[in-house]
Amino acid sequence: DGFTAAATIRQIEAQRGGPPVPIIALTA
């Protein structure tokens, strides 16, 4: 799901360093 994917992306960013990419959550 998008919540888990977003958390995983934040973990990747933490490992890489640098500013986080904005994540906009959407739902129908």
mmCIF file of all heavy atoms, coordinates in Angstrom:
data_MODEL
# 
_entry.id   MODEL 
# 
loop_
_atom_site.group_PDB 
_atom_site.id 
_atom_site.type_symbol 
_atom_site.label_atom_id 
_atom_site.label_alt_id 
_atom_site.label_comp_id 
_atom_site.label_asym_id 
_atom_site.label_entity_id 
_atom_site.label_seq_id 
_atom_site.pdbx_PDB_ins_code 
_atom_site.Cartn_x 
_atom_site.Cartn_y 
_atom_site.Cartn_z 
_atom_site.occupancy 
_atom_site.B_iso_or_equiv 
_atom_site.pdbx_formal_charge 
_atom_site.auth_seq_id 
_atom_site.auth_comp_id 
_atom_site.auth_asym_id 
_atom_site.auth_atom_id 
_atom_site.pdbx_PDB_model_num 
ATOM 1   N N   . ASP A 1 1  ? 0.828   -1.209 0.000  1.00 0.00 ? 1  ASP A N   1 
ATOM 2   C CA  . ASP A 1 1  ? 0.000   0.000  0.000  1.00 0.00 ? 1  ASP A CA  1 
ATOM 3   C C   . ASP A 1 1  ? 0.864   1.262  0.000  1.00 0.00 ? 1  ASP A C   1 
ATOM 4   O O   . ASP A 1 1  ? 2.073   1.215  0.218  1.00 0.00 ? 1  ASP A O   1 
ATOM 5   C CB  . ASP A 1 1  ? -0.996  0.003  1.154  1.00 0.00 ? 1  ASP A CB  1 
ATOM 6   C CG  . ASP A 1 1  ? -0.364  0.135  2.531  1.00 0.00 ? 1  ASP A CG  1 
ATOM 7   O OD1 . ASP A 1 1  ? 0.666   0.811  2.674  1.00 0.00 ? 1  ASP A OD1 1 
ATOM 8   O OD2 . ASP A 1 1  ? -0.923  -0.427 3.484  1.00 0.00 ? 1  ASP A OD2 1 
ATOM 9   N N   . GLY A 1 2  ? 0.230   2.378  -0.290 1.00 0.00 ? 2  GLY A N   1 
ATOM 10  C CA  . GLY A 1 2  ? 0.948   3.644  -0.397 1.00 0.00 ? 2  GLY A CA  1 
ATOM 11  C C   . GLY A 1 2  ? 1.599   4.103  0.892  1.00 0.00 ? 2  GLY A C   1 
ATOM 12  O O   . GLY A 1 2  ? 2.640   4.751  0.868  1.00 0.00 ? 2  GLY A O   1 
ATOM 13  N N   . PHE A 1 3  ? 1.004   3.760  2.026  1.00 0.00 ? 3  PHE A N   1 
ATOM 14  C CA  . PHE A 1 3  ? 1.598   4.145  3.314  1.00 0.00 ? 3  PHE A CA  1 
ATOM 15  C C   . PHE A 1 3  ? 2.936   3.431  3.527  1.00 0.00 ? 3  PHE A C   1 
ATOM 16  O O   . PHE A 1 3  ? 3.930   4.032  3.929  1.00 0.00 ? 3  PHE A O   1 
ATOM 17  C CB  . PHE A 1 3  ? 0.640   3.826  4.463  1.00 0.00 ? 3  PHE A CB  1 
ATOM 18  C CG  . PHE A 1 3  ? -0.667  4.563  4.374  1.00 0.00 ? 3  PHE A CG  1 
ATOM 19  C CD1 . PHE A 1 3  ? -1.813  3.896  3.992  1.00 0.00 ? 3  PHE A CD1 1 
ATOM 20  C CD2 . PHE A 1 3  ? -0.742  5.911  4.668  1.00 0.00 ? 3  PHE A CD2 1 
ATOM 21  C CE1 . PHE A 1 3  ? -3.026  4.564  3.909  1.00 0.00 ? 3  PHE A CE1 1 
ATOM 22  C CE2 . PHE A 1 3  ? -1.952  6.598  4.591  1.00 0.00 ? 3  PHE A CE2 1 
ATOM 23  C CZ  . PHE A 1 3  ? -3.091  5.914  4.205  1.00 0.00 ? 3  PHE A CZ  1 
ATOM 24  N N   . THR A 1 4  ? 2.955   2.136  3.229  1.00 0.00 ? 4  THR A N   1 
ATOM 25  C CA  . THR A 1 4  ? 4.183   1.355  3.373  1.00 0.00 ? 4  THR A CA  1 
ATOM 26  C C   . THR A 1 4  ? 5.212   1.784  2.342  1.00 0.00 ? 4  THR A C   1 
ATOM 27  O O   . THR A 1 4  ? 6.404   1.913  2.656  1.00 0.00 ? 4  THR A O   1 
ATOM 28  C CB  . THR A 1 4  ? 3.876   -0.152 3.243  1.00 0.00 ? 4  THR A CB  1 
ATOM 29  O OG1 . THR A 1 4  ? 2.875   -0.496 4.203  1.00 0.00 ? 4  THR A OG1 1 
ATOM 30  C CG2 . THR A 1 4  ? 5.114   -0.991 3.457  1.00 0.00 ? 4  THR A CG2 1 
ATOM 31  N N   . ALA A 1 5  ? 4.764   2.034  1.111  1.00 0.00 ? 5  ALA A N   1 
ATOM 32  C CA  . ALA A 1 5  ? 5.682   2.482  0.060  1.00 0.00 ? 5  ALA A CA  1 
ATOM 33  C C   . ALA A 1 5  ? 6.307   3.830  0.431  1.00 0.00 ? 5  ALA A C   1 
ATOM 34  O O   . ALA A 1 5  ? 7.515   4.027  0.268  1.00 0.00 ? 5  ALA A O   1 
ATOM 35  C CB  . ALA A 1 5  ? 4.957   2.572  -1.275 1.00 0.00 ? 5  ALA A CB  1 
ATOM 36  N N   . ALA A 1 6  ? 5.500   4.748  0.964  1.00 0.00 ? 6  ALA A N   1 
ATOM 37  C CA  . ALA A 1 6  ? 6.029   6.059  1.365  1.00 0.00 ? 6  ALA A CA  1 
ATOM 38  C C   . ALA A 1 6  ? 7.046   5.921  2.492  1.00 0.00 ? 6  ALA A C   1 
ATOM 39  O O   . ALA A 1 6  ? 8.097   6.572  2.486  1.00 0.00 ? 6  ALA A O   1 
ATOM 40  C CB  . ALA A 1 6  ? 4.887   6.978  1.784  1.00 0.00 ? 6  ALA A CB  1 
ATOM 41  N N   . ALA A 1 7  ? 6.757   5.062  3.456  1.00 0.00 ? 7  ALA A N   1 
ATOM 42  C CA  . ALA A 1 7  ? 7.707   4.833  4.555  1.00 0.00 ? 7  ALA A CA  1 
ATOM 43  C C   . ALA A 1 7  ? 9.005   4.229  4.032  1.00 0.00 ? 7  ALA A C   1 
ATOM 44  O O   . ALA A 1 7  ? 10.096  4.601  4.479  1.00 0.00 ? 7  ALA A O   1 
ATOM 45  C CB  . ALA A 1 7  ? 7.079   3.920  5.606  1.00 0.00 ? 7  ALA A CB  1 
ATOM 46  N N   . THR A 1 8  ? 8.898   3.331  3.068  1.00 0.00 ? 8  THR A N   1 
ATOM 47  C CA  . THR A 1 8  ? 10.087  2.719  2.476  1.00 0.00 ? 8  THR A CA  1 
ATOM 48  C C   . THR A 1 8  ? 10.903  3.760  1.713  1.00 0.00 ? 8  THR A C   1 
ATOM 49  O O   . THR A 1 8  ? 12.132  3.780  1.795  1.00 0.00 ? 8  THR A O   1 
ATOM 50  C CB  . THR A 1 8  ? 9.692   1.550  1.558  1.00 0.00 ? 8  THR A CB  1 
ATOM 51  O OG1 . THR A 1 8  ? 8.912   0.610  2.317  1.00 0.00 ? 8  THR A OG1 1 
ATOM 52  C CG2 . THR A 1 8  ? 10.904  0.856  0.976  1.00 0.00 ? 8  THR A CG2 1 
ATOM 53  N N   . ILE A 1 9  ? 10.215  4.635  0.991  1.00 0.00 ? 9  ILE A N   1 
ATOM 54  C CA  . ILE A 1 9  ? 10.909  5.715  0.278  1.00 0.00 ? 9  ILE A CA  1 
ATOM 55  C C   . ILE A 1 9  ? 11.637  6.612  1.274  1.00 0.00 ? 9  ILE A C   1 
ATOM 56  O O   . ILE A 1 9  ? 12.781  7.011  1.041  1.00 0.00 ? 9  ILE A O   1 
ATOM 57  C CB  . ILE A 1 9  ? 9.910   6.516  -0.584 1.00 0.00 ? 9  ILE A CB  1 
ATOM 58  C CG1 . ILE A 1 9  ? 9.513   5.682  -1.807 1.00 0.00 ? 9  ILE A CG1 1 
ATOM 59  C CG2 . ILE A 1 9  ? 10.473  7.874  -0.988 1.00 0.00 ? 9  ILE A CG2 1 
ATOM 60  C CD1 . ILE A 1 9  ? 8.377   6.258  -2.636 1.00 0.00 ? 9  ILE A CD1 1 
ATOM 61  N N   . ARG A 1 10 ? 11.029  6.910  2.404  1.00 0.00 ? 10 ARG A N   1 
ATOM 62  C CA  . ARG A 1 10 ? 11.694  7.739  3.414  1.00 0.00 ? 10 ARG A CA  1 
ATOM 63  C C   . ARG A 1 10 ? 12.939  7.035  3.979  1.00 0.00 ? 10 ARG A C   1 
ATOM 64  O O   . ARG A 1 10 ? 13.948  7.693  4.252  1.00 0.00 ? 10 ARG A O   1 
ATOM 65  C CB  . ARG A 1 10 ? 10.723  8.096  4.546  1.00 0.00 ? 10 ARG A CB  1 
ATOM 66  C CG  . ARG A 1 10 ? 9.625   9.047  4.126  1.00 0.00 ? 10 ARG A CG  1 
ATOM 67  C CD  . ARG A 1 10 ? 10.212  10.410 3.766  1.00 0.00 ? 10 ARG A CD  1 
ATOM 68  N NE  . ARG A 1 10 ? 9.141   11.357 3.454  1.00 0.00 ? 10 ARG A NE  1 
ATOM 69  C CZ  . ARG A 1 10 ? 9.056   12.030 2.325  1.00 0.00 ? 10 ARG A CZ  1 
ATOM 70  N NH1 . ARG A 1 10 ? 9.981   11.887 1.395  1.00 0.00 ? 10 ARG A NH1 1 
ATOM 71  N NH2 . ARG A 1 10 ? 8.068   12.875 2.113  1.00 0.00 ? 10 ARG A NH2 1 
ATOM 72  N N   . GLN A 1 11 ? 12.887  5.720  4.122  1.00 0.00 ? 11 GLN A N   1 
ATOM 73  C CA  . GLN A 1 11 ? 14.069  4.973  4.574  1.00 0.00 ? 11 GLN A CA  1 
ATOM 74  C C   . GLN A 1 11 ? 15.188  5.052  3.538  1.00 0.00 ? 11 GLN A C   1 
ATOM 75  O O   . GLN A 1 11 ? 16.360  5.227  3.893  1.00 0.00 ? 11 GLN A O   1 
ATOM 76  C CB  . GLN A 1 11 ? 13.708  3.521  4.842  1.00 0.00 ? 11 GLN A CB  1 
ATOM 77  C CG  . GLN A 1 11 ? 12.823  3.322  6.052  1.00 0.00 ? 11 GLN A CG  1 
ATOM 78  C CD  . GLN A 1 11 ? 12.333  1.887  6.189  1.00 0.00 ? 11 GLN A CD  1 
ATOM 79  O OE1 . GLN A 1 11 ? 12.468  1.073  5.287  1.00 0.00 ? 11 GLN A OE1 1 
ATOM 80  N NE2 . GLN A 1 11 ? 11.735  1.578  7.335  1.00 0.00 ? 11 GLN A NE2 1 
ATOM 81  N N   . ILE A 1 12 ? 14.833  4.934  2.279  1.00 0.00 ? 12 ILE A N   1 
ATOM 82  C CA  . ILE A 1 12 ? 15.828  5.047  1.202  1.00 0.00 ? 12 ILE A CA  1 
ATOM 83  C C   . ILE A 1 12 ? 16.470  6.425  1.222  1.00 0.00 ? 12 ILE A C   1 
ATOM 84  O O   . ILE A 1 12 ? 17.693  6.568  1.118  1.00 0.00 ? 12 ILE A O   1 
ATOM 85  C CB  . ILE A 1 12 ? 15.171  4.763  -0.165 1.00 0.00 ? 12 ILE A CB  1 
ATOM 86  C CG1 . ILE A 1 12 ? 14.726  3.306  -0.256 1.00 0.00 ? 12 ILE A CG1 1 
ATOM 87  C CG2 . ILE A 1 12 ? 16.118  5.128  -1.314 1.00 0.00 ? 12 ILE A CG2 1 
ATOM 88  C CD1 . ILE A 1 12 ? 13.769  3.010  -1.399 1.00 0.00 ? 12 ILE A CD1 1 
ATOM 89  N N   . GLU A 1 13 ? 15.636  7.458  1.372  1.00 0.00 ? 13 GLU A N   1 
ATOM 90  C CA  . GLU A 1 13 ? 16.163  8.823  1.425  1.00 0.00 ? 13 GLU A CA  1 
ATOM 91  C C   . GLU A 1 13 ? 17.091  9.027  2.614  1.00 0.00 ? 13 GLU A C   1 
ATOM 92  O O   . GLU A 1 13 ? 18.124  9.695  2.488  1.00 0.00 ? 13 GLU A O   1 
ATOM 93  C CB  . GLU A 1 13 ? 15.009  9.825  1.505  1.00 0.00 ? 13 GLU A CB  1 
ATOM 94  C CG  . GLU A 1 13 ? 14.206  9.926  0.248  1.00 0.00 ? 13 GLU A CG  1 
ATOM 95  C CD  . GLU A 1 13 ? 13.001  10.824 0.392  1.00 0.00 ? 13 GLU A CD  1 
ATOM 96  O OE1 . GLU A 1 13 ? 12.397  10.863 1.492  1.00 0.00 ? 13 GLU A OE1 1 
ATOM 97  O OE2 . GLU A 1 13 ? 12.662  11.478 -0.595 1.00 0.00 ? 13 GLU A OE2 1 
ATOM 98  N N   . ALA A 1 14 ? 16.757  8.451  3.745  1.00 0.00 ? 14 ALA A N   1 
ATOM 99  C CA  . ALA A 1 14 ? 17.597  8.589  4.940  1.00 0.00 ? 14 ALA A CA  1 
ATOM 100 C C   . ALA A 1 14 ? 18.969  7.970  4.702  1.00 0.00 ? 14 ALA A C   1 
ATOM 101 O O   . ALA A 1 14 ? 19.983  8.509  5.153  1.00 0.00 ? 14 ALA A O   1 
ATOM 102 C CB  . ALA A 1 14 ? 16.911  7.944  6.141  1.00 0.00 ? 14 ALA A CB  1 
ATOM 103 N N   . GLN A 1 15 ? 19.002  6.862  3.981  1.00 0.00 ? 15 GLN A N   1 
ATOM 104 C CA  . GLN A 1 15 ? 20.276  6.212  3.669  1.00 0.00 ? 15 GLN A CA  1 
ATOM 105 C C   . GLN A 1 15 ? 21.088  7.031  2.678  1.00 0.00 ? 15 GLN A C   1 
ATOM 106 O O   . GLN A 1 15 ? 22.313  7.094  2.775  1.00 0.00 ? 15 GLN A O   1 
ATOM 107 C CB  . GLN A 1 15 ? 20.032  4.812  3.108  1.00 0.00 ? 15 GLN A CB  1 
ATOM 108 C CG  . GLN A 1 15 ? 19.463  3.841  4.113  1.00 0.00 ? 15 GLN A CG  1 
ATOM 109 C CD  . GLN A 1 15 ? 19.026  2.531  3.473  1.00 0.00 ? 15 GLN A CD  1 
ATOM 110 O OE1 . GLN A 1 15 ? 19.041  2.367  2.258  1.00 0.00 ? 15 GLN A OE1 1 
ATOM 111 N NE2 . GLN A 1 15 ? 18.626  1.583  4.303  1.00 0.00 ? 15 GLN A NE2 1 
ATOM 112 N N   . ARG A 1 16 ? 20.417  7.652  1.734  1.00 0.00 ? 16 ARG A N   1 
ATOM 113 C CA  . ARG A 1 16 ? 21.096  8.451  0.704  1.00 0.00 ? 16 ARG A CA  1 
ATOM 114 C C   . ARG A 1 16 ? 21.542  9.805  1.229  1.00 0.00 ? 16 ARG A C   1 
ATOM 115 O O   . ARG A 1 16 ? 22.499  10.380 0.725  1.00 0.00 ? 16 ARG A O   1 
ATOM 116 C CB  . ARG A 1 16 ? 20.162  8.693  -0.476 1.00 0.00 ? 16 ARG A CB  1 
ATOM 117 C CG  . ARG A 1 16 ? 19.874  7.495  -1.318 1.00 0.00 ? 16 ARG A CG  1 
ATOM 118 C CD  . ARG A 1 16 ? 18.978  7.904  -2.461 1.00 0.00 ? 16 ARG A CD  1 
ATOM 119 N NE  . ARG A 1 16 ? 18.623  6.778  -3.301 1.00 0.00 ? 16 ARG A NE  1 
ATOM 120 C CZ  . ARG A 1 16 ? 17.683  6.812  -4.227 1.00 0.00 ? 16 ARG A CZ  1 
ATOM 121 N NH1 . ARG A 1 16 ? 17.013  7.916  -4.444 1.00 0.00 ? 16 ARG A NH1 1 
ATOM 122 N NH2 . ARG A 1 16 ? 17.432  5.746  -4.947 1.00 0.00 ? 16 ARG A NH2 1 
ATOM 123 N N   . GLY A 1 17 ? 20.782  10.347 2.176  1.00 0.00 ? 17 GLY A N   1 
ATOM 124 C CA  . GLY A 1 17 ? 21.025  11.715 2.620  1.00 0.00 ? 17 GLY A CA  1 
ATOM 125 C C   . GLY A 1 17 ? 20.369  12.681 1.646  1.00 0.00 ? 17 GLY A C   1 
ATOM 126 O O   . GLY A 1 17 ? 19.825  12.290 0.618  1.00 0.00 ? 17 GLY A O   1 
ATOM 127 N N   . GLY A 1 18 ? 20.408  13.944 1.952  1.00 0.00 ? 18 GLY A N   1 
ATOM 128 C CA  . GLY A 1 18 ? 19.786  14.944 1.088  1.00 0.00 ? 18 GLY A CA  1 
ATOM 129 C C   . GLY A 1 18 ? 18.351  15.225 1.499  1.00 0.00 ? 18 GLY A C   1 
ATOM 130 O O   . GLY A 1 18 ? 17.796  14.563 2.374  1.00 0.00 ? 18 GLY A O   1 
ATOM 131 N N   . PRO A 1 19 ? 17.752  16.199 0.848  1.00 0.00 ? 19 PRO A N   1 
ATOM 132 C CA  . PRO A 1 19 ? 16.389  16.589 1.223  1.00 0.00 ? 19 PRO A CA  1 
ATOM 133 C C   . PRO A 1 19 ? 15.359  15.554 0.776  1.00 0.00 ? 19 PRO A C   1 
ATOM 134 O O   . PRO A 1 19 ? 15.545  14.888 -0.247 1.00 0.00 ? 19 PRO A O   1 
ATOM 135 C CB  . PRO A 1 19 ? 16.188  17.909 0.483  1.00 0.00 ? 19 PRO A CB  1 
ATOM 136 C CG  . PRO A 1 19 ? 17.100  17.819 -0.698 1.00 0.00 ? 19 PRO A CG  1 
ATOM 137 C CD  . PRO A 1 19 ? 18.287  17.013 -0.236 1.00 0.00 ? 19 PRO A CD  1 
ATOM 138 N N   . PRO A 1 20 ? 14.270  15.417 1.527  1.00 0.00 ? 20 PRO A N   1 
ATOM 139 C CA  . PRO A 1 20 ? 13.229  14.475 1.130  1.00 0.00 ? 20 PRO A CA  1 
ATOM 140 C C   . PRO A 1 20 ? 12.414  15.000 -0.052 1.00 0.00 ? 20 PRO A C   1 
ATOM 141 O O   . PRO A 1 20 ? 12.211  16.201 -0.192 1.00 0.00 ? 20 PRO A O   1 
ATOM 142 C CB  . PRO A 1 20 ? 12.356  14.352 2.378  1.00 0.00 ? 20 PRO A CB  1 
ATOM 143 C CG  . PRO A 1 20 ? 12.566  15.633 3.098  1.00 0.00 ? 20 PRO A CG  1 
ATOM 144 C CD  . PRO A 1 20 ? 13.987  16.052 2.803  1.00 0.00 ? 20 PRO A CD  1 
ATOM 145 N N   . VAL A 1 21 ? 11.963  14.091 -0.882 1.00 0.00 ? 21 VAL A N   1 
ATOM 146 C CA  . VAL A 1 21 ? 11.081  14.424 -2.001 1.00 0.00 ? 21 VAL A CA  1 
ATOM 147 C C   . VAL A 1 21 ? 9.662   14.540 -1.447 1.00 0.00 ? 21 VAL A C   1 
ATOM 148 O O   . VAL A 1 21 ? 9.239   13.693 -0.653 1.00 0.00 ? 21 VAL A O   1 
ATOM 149 C CB  . VAL A 1 21 ? 11.158  13.308 -3.077 1.00 0.00 ? 21 VAL A CB  1 
ATOM 150 C CG1 . VAL A 1 21 ? 10.122  13.513 -4.163 1.00 0.00 ? 21 VAL A CG1 1 
ATOM 151 C CG2 . VAL A 1 21 ? 12.552  13.232 -3.663 1.00 0.00 ? 21 VAL A CG2 1 
ATOM 152 N N   . PRO A 1 22 ? 8.914   15.580 -1.831 1.00 0.00 ? 22 PRO A N   1 
ATOM 153 C CA  . PRO A 1 22 ? 7.521   15.666 -1.364 1.00 0.00 ? 22 PRO A CA  1 
ATOM 154 C C   . PRO A 1 22 ? 6.710   14.455 -1.837 1.00 0.00 ? 22 PRO A C   1 
ATOM 155 O O   . PRO A 1 22 ? 6.804   14.051 -2.998 1.00 0.00 ? 22 PRO A O   1 
ATOM 156 C CB  . PRO A 1 22 ? 6.996   16.949 -2.015 1.00 0.00 ? 22 PRO A CB  1 
ATOM 157 C CG  . PRO A 1 22 ? 8.211   17.734 -2.377 1.00 0.00 ? 22 PRO A CG  1 
ATOM 158 C CD  . PRO A 1 22 ? 9.289   16.726 -2.654 1.00 0.00 ? 22 PRO A CD  1 
ATOM 159 N N   . ILE A 1 23 ? 5.946   13.876 -0.916 1.00 0.00 ? 23 ILE A N   1 
ATOM 160 C CA  . ILE A 1 23 ? 5.038   12.779 -1.246 1.00 0.00 ? 23 ILE A CA  1 
ATOM 161 C C   . ILE A 1 23 ? 3.631   13.262 -0.941 1.00 0.00 ? 23 ILE A C   1 
ATOM 162 O O   . ILE A 1 23 ? 3.323   13.622 0.195  1.00 0.00 ? 23 ILE A O   1 
ATOM 163 C CB  . ILE A 1 23 ? 5.344   11.510 -0.439 1.00 0.00 ? 23 ILE A CB  1 
ATOM 164 C CG1 . ILE A 1 23 ? 6.757   11.002 -0.737 1.00 0.00 ? 23 ILE A CG1 1 
ATOM 165 C CG2 . ILE A 1 23 ? 4.316   10.421 -0.755 1.00 0.00 ? 23 ILE A CG2 1 
ATOM 166 C CD1 . ILE A 1 23 ? 7.185   9.817  0.111  1.00 0.00 ? 23 ILE A CD1 1 
ATOM 167 N N   . ILE A 1 24 ? 2.768   13.274 -1.956 1.00 0.00 ? 24 ILE A N   1 
ATOM 168 C CA  . ILE A 1 24 ? 1.379   13.677 -1.793 1.00 0.00 ? 24 ILE A CA  1 
ATOM 169 C C   . ILE A 1 24 ? 0.531   12.413 -1.818 1.00 0.00 ? 24 ILE A C   1 
ATOM 170 O O   . ILE A 1 24 ? 0.527   11.682 -2.803 1.00 0.00 ? 24 ILE A O   1 
ATOM 171 C CB  . ILE A 1 24 ? 0.950   14.649 -2.899 1.00 0.00 ? 24 ILE A CB  1 
ATOM 172 C CG1 . ILE A 1 24 ? 1.805   15.919 -2.825 1.00 0.00 ? 24 ILE A CG1 1 
ATOM 173 C CG2 . ILE A 1 24 ? -0.541  14.971 -2.787 1.00 0.00 ? 24 ILE A CG2 1 
ATOM 174 C CD1 . ILE A 1 24 ? 1.566   16.898 -3.935 1.00 0.00 ? 24 ILE A CD1 1 
ATOM 175 N N   . ALA A 1 25 ? -0.144  12.150 -0.724 1.00 0.00 ? 25 ALA A N   1 
ATOM 176 C CA  . ALA A 1 25 ? -0.976  10.952 -0.603 1.00 0.00 ? 25 ALA A CA  1 
ATOM 177 C C   . ALA A 1 25 ? -2.349  11.215 -1.212 1.00 0.00 ? 25 ALA A C   1 
ATOM 178 O O   . ALA A 1 25 ? -2.952  12.259 -0.983 1.00 0.00 ? 25 ALA A O   1 
ATOM 179 C CB  . ALA A 1 25 ? -1.127  10.556 0.860  1.00 0.00 ? 25 ALA A CB  1 
ATOM 180 N N   . LEU A 1 26 ? -2.812  10.262 -2.007 1.00 0.00 ? 26 LEU A N   1 
ATOM 181 C CA  . LEU A 1 26 ? -4.105  10.365 -2.681 1.00 0.00 ? 26 LEU A CA  1 
ATOM 182 C C   . LEU A 1 26 ? -4.937  9.132  -2.375 1.00 0.00 ? 26 LEU A C   1 
ATOM 183 O O   . LEU A 1 26 ? -4.400  8.054  -2.149 1.00 0.00 ? 26 LEU A O   1 
ATOM 184 C CB  . LEU A 1 26 ? -3.905  10.446 -4.201 1.00 0.00 ? 26 LEU A CB  1 
ATOM 185 C CG  . LEU A 1 26 ? -2.995  11.549 -4.722 1.00 0.00 ? 26 LEU A CG  1 
ATOM 186 C CD1 . LEU A 1 26 ? -2.699  11.325 -6.190 1.00 0.00 ? 26 LEU A CD1 1 
ATOM 187 C CD2 . LEU A 1 26 ? -3.650  12.891 -4.522 1.00 0.00 ? 26 LEU A CD2 1 
ATOM 188 N N   . THR A 1 27 ? -6.246  9.308  -2.405 1.00 0.00 ? 27 THR A N   1 
ATOM 189 C CA  . THR A 1 27 ? -7.144  8.166  -2.282 1.00 0.00 ? 27 THR A CA  1 
ATOM 190 C C   . THR A 1 27 ? -8.445  8.500  -3.008 1.00 0.00 ? 27 THR A C   1 
ATOM 191 O O   . THR A 1 27 ? -8.822  9.664  -3.111 1.00 0.00 ? 27 THR A O   1 
ATOM 192 C CB  . THR A 1 27 ? -7.431  7.799  -0.814 1.00 0.00 ? 27 THR A CB  1 
ATOM 193 O OG1 . THR A 1 27 ? -8.310  6.674  -0.793 1.00 0.00 ? 27 THR A OG1 1 
ATOM 194 C CG2 . THR A 1 27 ? -8.053  8.936  -0.053 1.00 0.00 ? 27 THR A CG2 1 
ATOM 195 N N   . ALA A 1 28 ? -9.111  7.471  -3.484 1.00 0.00 ? 28 ALA A N   1 
ATOM 196 C CA  . ALA A 1 28 ? -10.409 7.657  -4.136 1.00 0.00 ? 28 ALA A CA  1 
ATOM 197 C C   . ALA A 1 28 ? -11.515 7.806  -3.106 1.00 0.00 ? 28 ALA A C   1 
ATOM 198 O O   . ALA A 1 28 ? -12.659 8.057  -3.457 1.00 0.00 ? 28 ALA A O   1 
ATOM 199 C CB  . ALA A 1 28 ? -10.701 6.478  -5.059 1.00 0.00 ? 28 ALA A CB  1 
# 
